[in-house]
C-alpha atoms as a PDB file:
ATOM      1  CA  MET A   1       0.000   0.000   0.000  1.00  0.00           C
ATOM      2  CA  THR A   2       1.518   3.297  -1.072  1.00  0.00           C
ATOM      3  CA  THR A   3       0.131   6.795  -0.662  1.00  0.00           C
ATOM      4  CA  SER A   4       1.030  10.281  -1.802  1.00  0.00           C
ATOM      5  CA  GLU A   5      -0.934  13.141  -0.244  1.00  0.00           C
ATOM      6  CA  THR A   6      -1.848  16.747  -0.979  1.00  0.00           C
ATOM      7  CA  ALA A   7      -4.543  18.255   1.257  1.00  0.00           C
ATOM      8  CA  THR A   8      -7.900  18.993  -0.399  1.00  0.00           C
ATOM      9  CA  PRO A   9     -11.177  20.351   1.031  1.00  0.00           C
ATOM     10  CA  LEU A  10     -14.568  18.672   1.217  1.00  0.00           C
ATOM     11  CA  ALA A  11     -18.112  20.037   1.264  1.00  0.00           C
ATOM     12  CA  GLU A  12     -21.607  18.639   1.008  1.00  0.00           C
ATOM     13  CA  PRO A  13     -22.333  16.312  -1.928  1.00  0.00           C
ATOM     14  CA  ALA A  14     -23.432  17.900  -5.173  1.00  0.00           C
ATOM     15  CA  ALA A  15     -23.136  15.209  -7.819  1.00  0.00           C
ATOM     16  CA  SER A  16     -22.023  11.628  -8.252  1.00  0.00           C
ATOM     17  CA  SER A  17     -21.378   9.329 -11.189  1.00  0.00           C
ATOM     18  CA  THR A  18     -20.595   5.636 -11.435  1.00  0.00           C
ATOM     19  CA  LEU A  19     -19.383   3.375 -14.219  1.00  0.00           C
ATOM     20  CA  GLN A  20     -19.100  -0.291 -13.365  1.00  0.00           C
ATOM     21  CA  GLY A  21     -18.059  -3.241 -15.479  1.00  0.00           C
ATOM     22  CA  LYS A  22     -20.014  -6.491 -15.701  1.00  0.00           C
ATOM     23  CA  GLY A  23     -17.436  -8.275 -13.579  1.00  0.00           C
ATOM     24  CA  ARG A  24     -14.063  -7.902 -11.946  1.00  0.00           C
ATOM     25  CA  GLY A  25     -12.282  -9.072 -15.069  1.00  0.00           C
ATOM     26  CA  PRO A  26      -9.480 -11.660 -15.346  1.00  0.00           C
ATOM     27  CA  GLY A  27      -6.493 -11.737 -13.067  1.00  0.00           C
ATOM     28  CA  ARG A  28      -6.036  -9.481 -10.057  1.00  0.00           C
ATOM     29  CA  THR A  29      -7.847  -6.268  -9.167  1.00  0.00           C
ATOM     30  CA  SER A  30      -6.025  -3.190  -7.859  1.00  0.00           C
ATOM     31  CA  VAL A  31      -7.399   0.237  -6.953  1.00  0.00           C
ATOM     32  CA  LEU A  32      -6.434   3.855  -7.527  1.00  0.00           C
ATOM     33  CA  THR A  33      -8.080   6.519  -5.365  1.00  0.00           C
ATOM     34  CA  LEU A  34      -7.460  10.239  -5.611  1.00  0.00           C
ATOM     35  CA  SER A  35      -8.763  13.732  -4.939  1.00  0.00           C
ATOM     36  CA  CYS A  36      -7.736  16.997  -6.545  1.00  0.00           C
ATOM     37  CA  PRO A  37      -9.052  20.393  -7.684  1.00  0.00           C
ATOM     38  CA  GLU A  38     -11.610  19.982 -10.465  1.00  0.00           C
ATOM     39  CA  ARG A  39     -10.382  20.780 -14.000  1.00  0.00           C
ATOM     40  CA  PRO A  40     -10.671  19.271 -17.477  1.00  0.00           C
ATOM     41  CA  GLY A  41      -8.523  16.270 -18.348  1.00  0.00           C
ATOM     42  CA  ILE A  42      -8.332  14.445 -15.012  1.00  0.00           C
ATOM     43  CA  VAL A  43     -10.223  11.311 -16.023  1.00  0.00           C
ATOM     44  CA  GLN A  44      -8.449  11.201 -19.378  1.00  0.00           C
ATOM     45  CA  ALA A  45      -5.084  11.397 -17.628  1.00  0.00           C
ATOM     46  CA  VAL A  46      -6.012   8.539 -15.297  1.00  0.00           C
ATOM     47  CA  THR A  47      -7.450   6.267 -17.973  1.00  0.00           C
ATOM     48  CA  SER A  48      -4.552   6.959 -20.355  1.00  0.00           C
ATOM     49  CA  PHE A  49      -2.035   6.058 -17.657  1.00  0.00           C
ATOM     50  CA  LEU A  50      -3.801   2.777 -16.896  1.00  0.00           C
ATOM     51  CA  TYR A  51      -4.210   1.961 -20.604  1.00  0.00           C
ATOM     52  CA  GLN A  52      -0.538   2.599 -21.303  1.00  0.00           C
ATOM     53  CA  HIS A  53       0.330   0.079 -18.593  1.00  0.00           C
ATOM     54  CA  GLY A  54      -1.965  -2.539 -20.093  1.00  0.00           C
ATOM     55  CA  PHE A  55      -4.543  -2.451 -17.300  1.00  0.00           C
ATOM     56  CA  ASP A  56      -8.270  -3.041 -17.813  1.00  0.00           C
ATOM     57  CA  ILE A  57     -10.655  -0.765 -15.894  1.00  0.00           C
ATOM     58  CA  VAL A  58     -13.372  -2.844 -14.206  1.00  0.00           C
ATOM     59  CA  GLU A  59     -14.994  -0.183 -12.008  1.00  0.00           C
ATOM     60  CA  HIS A  60     -14.874   3.617 -12.040  1.00  0.00           C
ATOM     61  CA  GLN A  61     -16.618   6.041  -9.676  1.00  0.00           C
ATOM     62  CA  GLN A  62     -16.175   9.756  -9.229  1.00  0.00           C
ATOM     63  CA  PHE A  63     -17.755  12.578  -7.253  1.00  0.00           C
ATOM     64  CA  ASP A  64     -17.573  16.218  -8.303  1.00  0.00           C
ATOM     65  CA  ASP A  65     -17.875  18.510  -5.289  1.00  0.00           C
ATOM     66  CA  ARG A  66     -19.157  21.612  -7.031  1.00  0.00           C
ATOM     67  CA  GLU A  67     -19.230  23.671  -3.847  1.00  0.00           C
ATOM     68  CA  ARG A  68     -15.478  23.387  -3.352  1.00  0.00           C
ATOM     69  CA  GLY A  69     -14.415  22.513  -6.894  1.00  0.00           C
ATOM     70  CA  THR A  70     -12.912  19.175  -5.856  1.00  0.00           C
ATOM     71  CA  LEU A  71     -12.972  15.842  -7.682  1.00  0.00           C
ATOM     72  CA  PHE A  72     -12.880  12.510  -5.817  1.00  0.00           C
ATOM     73  CA  LEU A  73     -12.219   9.340  -7.812  1.00  0.00           C
ATOM     74  CA  ARG A  74     -11.922   5.594  -7.319  1.00  0.00           C
ATOM     75  CA  THR A  75     -10.878   3.374 -10.226  1.00  0.00           C
ATOM     76  CA  ALA A  76     -10.449  -0.396  -9.949  1.00  0.00           C
ATOM     77  CA  PHE A  77      -8.378  -2.101 -12.642  1.00  0.00           C
ATOM     78  CA  SER A  78      -7.452  -5.698 -13.398  1.00  0.00           C
ATOM     79  CA  THR A  79      -3.959  -7.015 -14.001  1.00  0.00           C
ATOM     80  CA  GLU A  80      -2.589 -10.366 -15.070  1.00  0.00           C
ATOM     81  CA  SER A  81       0.149 -10.323 -12.443  1.00  0.00           C
ATOM     82  CA  PRO A  82       0.756  -8.587  -9.108  1.00  0.00           C
ATOM     83  CA  VAL A  83       1.330  -4.847  -9.322  1.00  0.00           C
ATOM     84  CA  ASP A  84       4.122  -2.959  -7.624  1.00  0.00           C
ATOM     85  CA  ALA A  85       2.278  -0.147  -5.831  1.00  0.00           C
ATOM     86  CA  GLN A  86       5.470   1.824  -5.197  1.00  0.00           C
ATOM     87  CA  GLU A  87       6.507   1.576  -8.833  1.00  0.00           C
ATOM     88  CA  LEU A  88       3.094   2.773 -10.011  1.00  0.00           C
ATOM     89  CA  THR A  89       3.208   5.597  -7.479  1.00  0.00           C
ATOM     90  CA  ASP A  90       6.581   6.764  -8.775  1.00  0.00           C
ATOM     91  CA  GLU A  91       5.451   6.606 -12.392  1.00  0.00           C
ATOM     92  CA  PHE A  92       2.141   8.388 -11.699  1.00  0.00           C
ATOM     93  CA  GLN A  93       3.740  11.162  -9.636  1.00  0.00           C
ATOM     94  CA  ALA A  94       4.293  13.482 -12.596  1.00  0.00           C
ATOM     95  CA  THR A  95       0.602  13.287 -13.494  1.00  0.00           C
ATOM     96  CA  ALA A  96      -0.366  13.823  -9.866  1.00  0.00           C
ATOM     97  CA  ASP A  97       1.853  16.902  -9.633  1.00  0.00           C
ATOM     98  CA  GLU A  98       0.305  18.358 -12.776  1.00  0.00           C
ATOM     99  CA  PHE A  99      -3.209  18.126 -11.339  1.00  0.00           C
ATOM    100  CA  GLY A 100      -2.412  18.614  -7.647  1.00  0.00           C
ATOM    101  CA  MET A 101      -3.633  15.129  -6.746  1.00  0.00           C
ATOM    102  CA  SER A 102      -3.679  13.328  -3.420  1.00  0.00           C
ATOM    103  CA  PHE A 103      -3.605   9.697  -4.555  1.00  0.00           C
ATOM    104  CA  SER A 104      -3.049   6.112  -3.497  1.00  0.00           C
ATOM    105  CA  PHE A 105      -2.474   2.826  -5.350  1.00  0.00           C
ATOM    106  CA  GLN A 106      -3.644  -0.344  -3.575  1.00  0.00           C
ATOM    107  CA  ASP A 107      -2.814  -3.864  -4.681  1.00  0.00           C
ATOM    108  CA  ASP A 108      -5.158  -6.845  -4.335  1.00  0.00           C
ATOM    109  CA  SER A 109      -3.861  -8.038  -0.957  1.00  0.00           C
ATOM    110  CA  LYS A 110      -6.467  -8.188   1.804  1.00  0.00           C
ATOM    111  CA  LEU A 111      -6.077  -5.865   4.764  1.00  0.00           C
ATOM    112  CA  ARG A 112      -5.285  -7.407   8.137  1.00  0.00           C
ATOM    113  CA  LEU A 113      -7.648  -6.538  10.984  1.00  0.00           C
ATOM    114  CA  LEU A 114      -7.233  -6.367  14.748  1.00  0.00           C
ATOM    115  CA  VAL A 115     -10.618  -6.428  16.492  1.00  0.00           C
ATOM    116  CA  MET A 116     -10.906  -4.919  19.977  1.00  0.00           C
ATOM    117  CA  VAL A 117     -13.766  -5.928  22.292  1.00  0.00           C
ATOM    118  CA  SER A 118     -14.816  -5.766  25.926  1.00  0.00           C
ATOM    119  CA  LYS A 119     -17.841  -7.791  27.104  1.00  0.00           C
ATOM    120  CA  PHE A 120     -20.476  -7.229  24.387  1.00  0.00           C
ATOM    121  CA  GLY A 121     -20.061  -9.897  21.706  1.00  0.00           C
ATOM    122  CA  HIS A 122     -22.660  -9.073  19.042  1.00  0.00           C
ATOM    123  CA  CYS A 123     -20.339  -7.045  16.794  1.00  0.00           C
ATOM    124  CA  LEU A 124     -17.470  -9.533  17.112  1.00  0.00           C
ATOM    125  CA  ASN A 125     -19.808 -12.413  16.324  1.00  0.00           C
ATOM    126  CA  ASP A 126     -21.098 -10.604  13.228  1.00  0.00           C
ATOM    127  CA  LEU A 127     -17.596  -9.741  12.008  1.00  0.00           C
ATOM    128  CA  ILE A 128     -16.452 -13.344  12.473  1.00  0.00           C
ATOM    129  CA  PHE A 129     -19.466 -14.618  10.515  1.00  0.00           C
ATOM    130  CA  ARG A 130     -18.785 -12.255   7.602  1.00  0.00           C
ATOM    131  CA  TRP A 131     -15.060 -13.008   7.703  1.00  0.00           C
ATOM    132  CA  ARG A 132     -15.724 -16.749   7.484  1.00  0.00           C
ATOM    133  CA  ALA A 133     -18.222 -16.167   4.671  1.00  0.00           C
ATOM    134  CA  GLY A 134     -15.629 -14.163   2.745  1.00  0.00           C
ATOM    135  CA  THR A 135     -17.739 -10.985   2.657  1.00  0.00           C
ATOM    136  CA  LEU A 136     -15.892  -8.803   5.180  1.00  0.00           C
ATOM    137  CA  GLY A 137     -13.262  -7.657   2.711  1.00  0.00           C
ATOM    138  CA  GLY A 138     -10.338  -8.177   5.085  1.00  0.00           C
ATOM    139  CA  GLU A 139      -8.694 -10.864   7.196  1.00  0.00           C
ATOM    140  CA  ILE A 140      -9.178 -10.870  10.973  1.00  0.00           C
ATOM    141  CA  ALA A 141      -5.705 -11.521  12.393  1.00  0.00           C
ATOM    142  CA  LEU A 142      -6.451 -11.446  16.117  1.00  0.00           C
ATOM    143  CA  VAL A 143      -8.834 -10.270  18.839  1.00  0.00           C
ATOM    144  CA  VAL A 144      -7.707  -8.056  21.719  1.00  0.00           C
ATOM    145  CA  SER A 145      -9.784  -7.439  24.840  1.00  0.00           C
ATOM    146  CA  ASN A 146      -9.548  -5.855  28.262  1.00  0.00           C
ATOM    147  CA  HIS A 147     -11.687  -8.754  29.596  1.00  0.00           C
ATOM    148  CA  GLU A 148     -11.648 -12.527  29.205  1.00  0.00           C
ATOM    149  CA  ASP A 149     -15.384 -12.885  28.455  1.00  0.00           C
ATOM    150  CA  LEU A 150     -15.141 -13.258  24.670  1.00  0.00           C
ATOM    151  CA  ARG A 151     -12.108 -15.522  24.537  1.00  0.00           C
ATOM    152  CA  PRO A 152     -14.263 -18.632  23.806  1.00  0.00           C
ATOM    153  CA  MET A 153     -15.955 -16.893  20.850  1.00  0.00           C
ATOM    154  CA  ALA A 154     -12.648 -15.851  19.301  1.00  0.00           C
ATOM    155  CA  GLU A 155     -10.853 -19.140  19.869  1.00  0.00           C
ATOM    156  CA  ALA A 156     -13.822 -21.145  18.565  1.00  0.00           C
ATOM    157  CA  ALA A 157     -13.278 -19.287  15.286  1.00  0.00           C
ATOM    158  CA  GLY A 158      -9.579 -20.144  15.355  1.00  0.00           C
ATOM    159  CA  LEU A 159      -8.520 -16.585  16.140  1.00  0.00           C
ATOM    160  CA  PRO A 160      -5.726 -15.646  18.568  1.00  0.00           C
ATOM    161  CA  PHE A 161      -7.121 -13.881  21.649  1.00  0.00           C
ATOM    162  CA  VAL A 162      -4.909 -11.489  23.584  1.00  0.00           C
ATOM    163  CA  HIS A 163      -6.008 -10.262  27.000  1.00  0.00           C
ATOM    164  CA  VAL A 164      -4.699  -6.751  27.693  1.00  0.00           C
ATOM    165  CA  PRO A 165      -6.208  -5.574  31.002  1.00  0.00           C
ATOM    166  CA  VAL A 166      -6.609  -1.824  31.455  1.00  0.00           C
ATOM    167  CA  THR A 167      -6.697   0.201  34.645  1.00  0.00           C
ATOM    168  CA  ALA A 168      -6.016   3.857  35.285  1.00  0.00           C
ATOM    169  CA  ALA A 169      -2.541   2.903  36.449  1.00  0.00           C
ATOM    170  CA  THR A 170      -1.763   0.603  33.482  1.00  0.00           C
ATOM    171  CA  LYS A 171      -3.467   2.482  30.618  1.00  0.00           C
ATOM    172  CA  GLU A 172      -0.239   3.761  29.074  1.00  0.00           C
ATOM    173  CA  GLU A 173       1.348   0.314  29.269  1.00  0.00           C
ATOM    174  CA  ALA A 174      -1.760  -1.303  27.755  1.00  0.00           C
ATOM    175  CA  GLU A 175      -1.788   1.101  24.821  1.00  0.00           C
ATOM    176  CA  SER A 176       1.909   0.481  24.190  1.00  0.00           C
ATOM    177  CA  ARG A 177       1.127  -3.237  24.134  1.00  0.00           C
ATOM    178  CA  LEU A 178      -1.642  -2.613  21.588  1.00  0.00           C
ATOM    179  CA  LEU A 179       0.682  -0.690  19.263  1.00  0.00           C
ATOM    180  CA  ALA A 180       3.249  -3.483  19.608  1.00  0.00           C
ATOM    181  CA  LEU A 181       0.591  -6.011  18.526  1.00  0.00           C
ATOM    182  CA  VAL A 182      -0.321  -3.808  15.563  1.00  0.00           C
ATOM    183  CA  ASP A 183       3.318  -3.844  14.425  1.00  0.00           C
ATOM    184  CA  GLU A 184       3.916  -7.501  15.267  1.00  0.00           C
ATOM    185  CA  HIS A 185       0.929  -8.754  13.269  1.00  0.00           C
ATOM    186  CA  GLY A 186       1.183  -6.290  10.373  1.00  0.00           C
ATOM    187  CA  ILE A 187      -2.234  -4.792  11.142  1.00  0.00           C
ATOM    188  CA  ASP A 188      -3.778  -2.434   8.593  1.00  0.00           C
ATOM    189  CA  LEU A 189      -7.013  -1.615  10.456  1.00  0.00           C
ATOM    190  CA  VAL A 190      -8.025  -1.636  14.121  1.00  0.00           C
ATOM    191  CA  VAL A 191     -11.754  -2.255  14.654  1.00  0.00           C
ATOM    192  CA  LEU A 192     -13.289  -1.174  17.962  1.00  0.00           C
ATOM    193  CA  ALA A 193     -16.222  -3.589  18.126  1.00  0.00           C
ATOM    194  CA  ARG A 194     -17.796  -2.246  21.315  1.00  0.00           C
ATOM    195  CA  TYR A 195     -14.473  -1.773  23.072  1.00  0.00           C
ATOM    196  CA  MET A 196     -15.500   0.100  26.211  1.00  0.00           C
ATOM    197  CA  GLN A 197     -12.339   2.080  26.864  1.00  0.00           C
ATOM    198  CA  ILE A 198     -11.495   5.639  25.853  1.00  0.00           C
ATOM    199  CA  LEU A 199      -8.274   5.761  23.842  1.00  0.00           C
ATOM    200  CA  SER A 200      -5.677   8.379  24.694  1.00  0.00           C
ATOM    201  CA  ASP A 201      -5.068  11.283  22.333  1.00  0.00           C
ATOM    202  CA  ASP A 202      -1.611   9.920  21.526  1.00  0.00           C
ATOM    203  CA  LEU A 203      -3.003   6.504  20.568  1.00  0.00           C
ATOM    204  CA  CYS A 204      -5.741   8.101  18.452  1.00  0.00           C
ATOM    205  CA  ARG A 205      -3.111  10.069  16.573  1.00  0.00           C
ATOM    206  CA  SER A 206      -0.994   6.929  16.087  1.00  0.00           C
ATOM    207  CA  LEU A 207      -3.982   5.099  14.573  1.00  0.00           C
ATOM    208  CA  GLU A 208      -5.354   8.052  12.570  1.00  0.00           C
ATOM    209  CA  GLY A 209      -7.167   6.845   9.451  1.00  0.00           C
ATOM    210  CA  ARG A 210      -6.744   3.179  10.375  1.00  0.00           C
ATOM    211  CA  ALA A 211      -9.100   2.685  13.322  1.00  0.00           C
ATOM    212  CA  ILE A 212     -12.902   2.439  13.150  1.00  0.00           C
ATOM    213  CA  ASN A 213     -15.303   2.690  16.089  1.00  0.00           C
ATOM    214  CA  ILE A 214     -19.022   1.961  16.466  1.00  0.00           C
ATOM    215  CA  HIS A 215     -21.453   3.652  18.836  1.00  0.00           C
ATOM    216  CA  HIS A 216     -25.192   3.972  19.218  1.00  0.00           C
ATOM    217  CA  SER A 217     -26.550   7.083  17.531  1.00  0.00           C
ATOM    218  CA  PHE A 218     -28.212   8.314  20.738  1.00  0.00           C
ATOM    219  CA  LEU A 219     -24.919  10.109  21.352  1.00  0.00           C
ATOM    220  CA  PRO A 220     -24.707  12.918  22.199  1.00  0.00           C
ATOM    221  CA  GLY A 221     -28.410  13.022  23.122  1.00  0.00           C
ATOM    222  CA  PHE A 222     -28.261  10.062  25.524  1.00  0.00           C
ATOM    223  CA  LYS A 223     -24.819   9.973  27.109  1.00  0.00           C
ATOM    224  CA  GLY A 224     -23.779   8.002  30.145  1.00  0.00           C
ATOM    225  CA  ALA A 225     -25.276   4.852  31.606  1.00  0.00           C
ATOM    226  CA  LYS A 226     -28.315   3.049  30.213  1.00  0.00           C
ATOM    227  CA  PRO A 227     -28.818   5.046  27.003  1.00  0.00           C
ATOM    228  CA  TYR A 228     -31.656   2.785  25.881  1.00  0.00           C
ATOM    229  CA  HIS A 229     -33.505   3.368  29.141  1.00  0.00           C
ATOM    230  CA  GLN A 230     -33.101   7.098  28.548  1.00  0.00           C
ATOM    231  CA  ALA A 231     -34.379   6.649  24.995  1.00  0.00           C
ATOM    232  CA  TYR A 232     -37.374   4.679  26.253  1.00  0.00           C
ATOM    233  CA  GLU A 233     -38.259   7.422  28.708  1.00  0.00           C
ATOM    234  CA  ARG A 234     -38.159   9.972  25.873  1.00  0.00           C
ATOM    235  CA  GLY A 235     -40.232   7.811  23.518  1.00  0.00           C
ATOM    236  CA  VAL A 236     -37.748   7.645  20.641  1.00  0.00           C
ATOM    237  CA  LYS A 237     -39.026   6.547  17.243  1.00  0.00           C
ATOM    238  CA  LEU A 238     -35.663   5.778  15.613  1.00  0.00           C
ATOM    239  CA  VAL A 239     -32.815   3.590  16.864  1.00  0.00           C
ATOM    240  CA  GLY A 240     -29.481   3.877  15.109  1.00  0.00           C
ATOM    241  CA  ALA A 241     -25.736   3.394  15.128  1.00  0.00           C
ATOM    242  CA  THR A 242     -22.768   5.280  13.698  1.00  0.00           C
ATOM    243  CA  ALA A 243     -19.464   3.870  12.439  1.00  0.00           C
ATOM    244  CA  HIS A 244     -16.679   6.428  12.262  1.00  0.00           C
ATOM    245  CA  TYR A 245     -12.927   6.807  12.201  1.00  0.00           C
ATOM    246  CA  VAL A 246     -11.293   7.221  15.600  1.00  0.00           C
ATOM    247  CA  THR A 247      -9.979  10.663  16.518  1.00  0.00           C
ATOM    248  CA  ALA A 248      -8.975  12.401  19.729  1.00  0.00           C
ATOM    249  CA  ASP A 249     -12.422  14.041  19.751  1.00  0.00           C
ATOM    250  CA  LEU A 250     -14.512  11.346  21.444  1.00  0.00           C
ATOM    251  CA  ASP A 251     -17.145   9.871  19.076  1.00  0.00           C
ATOM    252  CA  GLU A 252     -16.746  12.803  16.688  1.00  0.00           C
ATOM    253  CA  GLY A 253     -14.469  11.301  14.033  1.00  0.00           C
ATOM    254  CA  PRO A 254     -15.313  11.327  10.317  1.00  0.00           C
ATOM    255  CA  ILE A 255     -18.539   9.370   9.798  1.00  0.00           C
ATOM    256  CA  ILE A 256     -18.394   6.374   7.459  1.00  0.00           C
ATOM    257  CA  GLU A 257     -21.830   4.773   7.826  1.00  0.00           C
ATOM    258  CA  GLN A 258     -25.040   5.141   9.829  1.00  0.00           C
ATOM    259  CA  GLU A 259     -27.883   2.644  10.200  1.00  0.00           C
ATOM    260  CA  VAL A 260     -31.360   3.607  11.423  1.00  0.00           C
ATOM    261  CA  ILE A 261     -34.262   1.315  12.379  1.00  0.00           C
ATOM    262  CA  ARG A 262     -37.773   2.599  13.151  1.00  0.00           C
ATOM    263  CA  VAL A 263     -39.359   1.642  16.483  1.00  0.00           C
ATOM    264  CA  ASP A 264     -42.524   2.622  18.353  1.00  0.00           C
ATOM    265  CA  HIS A 265     -44.076   2.818  21.837  1.00  0.00           C
ATOM    266  CA  THR A 266     -44.245  -0.980  22.177  1.00  0.00           C
ATOM    267  CA  TYR A 267     -40.441  -1.282  22.390  1.00  0.00           C
ATOM    268  CA  HIS A 268     -39.245  -1.538  25.974  1.00  0.00           C
ATOM    269  CA  PRO A 269     -35.579  -0.816  26.901  1.00  0.00           C
ATOM    270  CA  HIS A 270     -34.504  -4.425  26.263  1.00  0.00           C
ATOM    271  CA  ASP A 271     -36.193  -4.372  22.844  1.00  0.00           C
ATOM    272  CA  LEU A 272     -34.521  -1.073  21.982  1.00  0.00           C
ATOM    273  CA  ALA A 273     -31.129  -2.473  22.979  1.00  0.00           C
ATOM    274  CA  THR A 274     -31.674  -5.536  20.783  1.00  0.00           C
ATOM    275  CA  VAL A 275     -32.599  -3.392  17.785  1.00  0.00           C
ATOM    276  CA  GLY A 276     -29.636  -1.133  18.539  1.00  0.00           C
ATOM    277  CA  GLN A 277     -27.265  -4.090  18.455  1.00  0.00           C
ATOM    278  CA  ASP A 278     -28.582  -5.033  15.002  1.00  0.00           C
ATOM    279  CA  ALA A 279     -27.938  -1.489  13.809  1.00  0.00           C
ATOM    280  CA  GLU A 280     -24.431  -1.529  15.278  1.00  0.00           C
ATOM    281  CA  CYS A 281     -23.541  -4.770  13.500  1.00  0.00           C
ATOM    282  CA  LEU A 282     -24.789  -3.503  10.137  1.00  0.00           C
ATOM    283  CA  ALA A 283     -23.093  -0.110  10.315  1.00  0.00           C
ATOM    284  CA  LEU A 284     -19.780  -1.498  11.561  1.00  0.00           C
ATOM    285  CA  SER A 285     -19.513  -4.354   9.063  1.00  0.00           C
ATOM    286  CA  ARG A 286     -20.257  -2.030   6.136  1.00  0.00           C
ATOM    287  CA  ALA A 287     -17.673   0.491   7.313  1.00  0.00           C
ATOM    288  CA  VAL A 288     -15.033  -2.234   7.676  1.00  0.00           C
ATOM    289  CA  ARG A 289     -15.800  -3.717   4.251  1.00  0.00           C
ATOM    290  CA  TRP A 290     -15.752  -0.344   2.508  1.00  0.00           C
ATOM    291  CA  HIS A 291     -12.440   0.526   4.149  1.00  0.00           C
ATOM    292  CA  CYS A 292     -10.960  -2.820   3.117  1.00  0.00           C
ATOM    293  CA  GLU A 293     -12.177  -2.304  -0.451  1.00  0.00           C
ATOM    294  CA  HIS A 294     -10.613   1.190  -0.502  1.00  0.00           C
ATOM    295  CA  ARG A 295     -13.987   2.839  -1.064  1.00  0.00           C
ATOM    296  CA  ILE A 296     -13.527   5.583   1.538  1.00  0.00           C
ATOM    297  CA  LEU A 297     -11.683   8.808   0.830  1.00  0.00           C
ATOM    298  CA  LEU A 298     -10.926  10.507   4.111  1.00  0.00           C
ATOM    299  CA  ASP A 299     -10.792  14.290   3.963  1.00  0.00           C
ATOM    300  CA  GLY A 300     -10.706  16.401   7.093  1.00  0.00           C
ATOM    301  CA  ALA A 301     -13.804  15.922   9.239  1.00  0.00           C
ATOM    302  CA  SER A 302     -15.798  14.048   6.598  1.00  0.00           C
ATOM    303  CA  THR A 303     -15.627  11.197   4.104  1.00  0.00           C
ATOM    304  CA  VAL A 304     -16.554  10.355   0.533  1.00  0.00           C
ATOM    305  CA  VAL A 305     -17.748   6.739   0.322  1.00  0.00           C
ATOM    306  CA  PHE A 306     -17.986   4.995  -3.062  1.00  0.00           C
ATOM    307  CA  ARG A 307     -20.389   2.124  -2.423  1.00  0.00           C
END
């Protein structure tokens, strides 16, 4: 995975276009993502570069942000043999400089995931199911938890389970251990699947752009203990969940996906919690898959997601 970056702004969506092939084509599939100031010739430059290298475009999506004059693009292309992402990056750099592009080439290797959990197992169970079914987009490498409760679930799936207890006195040591595991196992993405610990600002910065969290969408309206009891008392009509990138601003990172399910007065707190867990599983698994498929372009406080 190789990336070259030039900062670009993002505003509210104005237009979107998609061109998809009938299939993924023969051989391997790699991905180019980029953003740059809008101007004529960008798509032609990209397609000409890929054509000159003998690649076949199998999927192309772009979004023109007319408010800020920015183009976002994702192009998947097939190759007969493995690509050298660094070599492509070097060769594409002149084109990128001409158009002021922030770009990244990704080969067809699957991203490696580290899943963090505490005591709630619904998100872990869902991720394991999708991983085994081959629909998660990445490979779960190991599970890390501050409790022992979910060890049987992880080990039943053949996944290494690492217990890293956390207290106020050992928090710094525990986070150092986590970063060591990320390096040791070659982790590309950390997934907080209902991990009930607040990460330090330093750890959030270390994992910037490569850590996804899930929380119920009652935040910030229903903070603290028993959010579903609070929601029941207020008679909510929608239960939801938000998957977002982790930042030092608690639960305020760039949003990737949100799931909402309608409820009514017959739903008691337990029912609301059950529906909320369904929403959490759906939002988190989509966010993980889209990240693994390089469908998310992160820009400042927001995202562009090519589904």
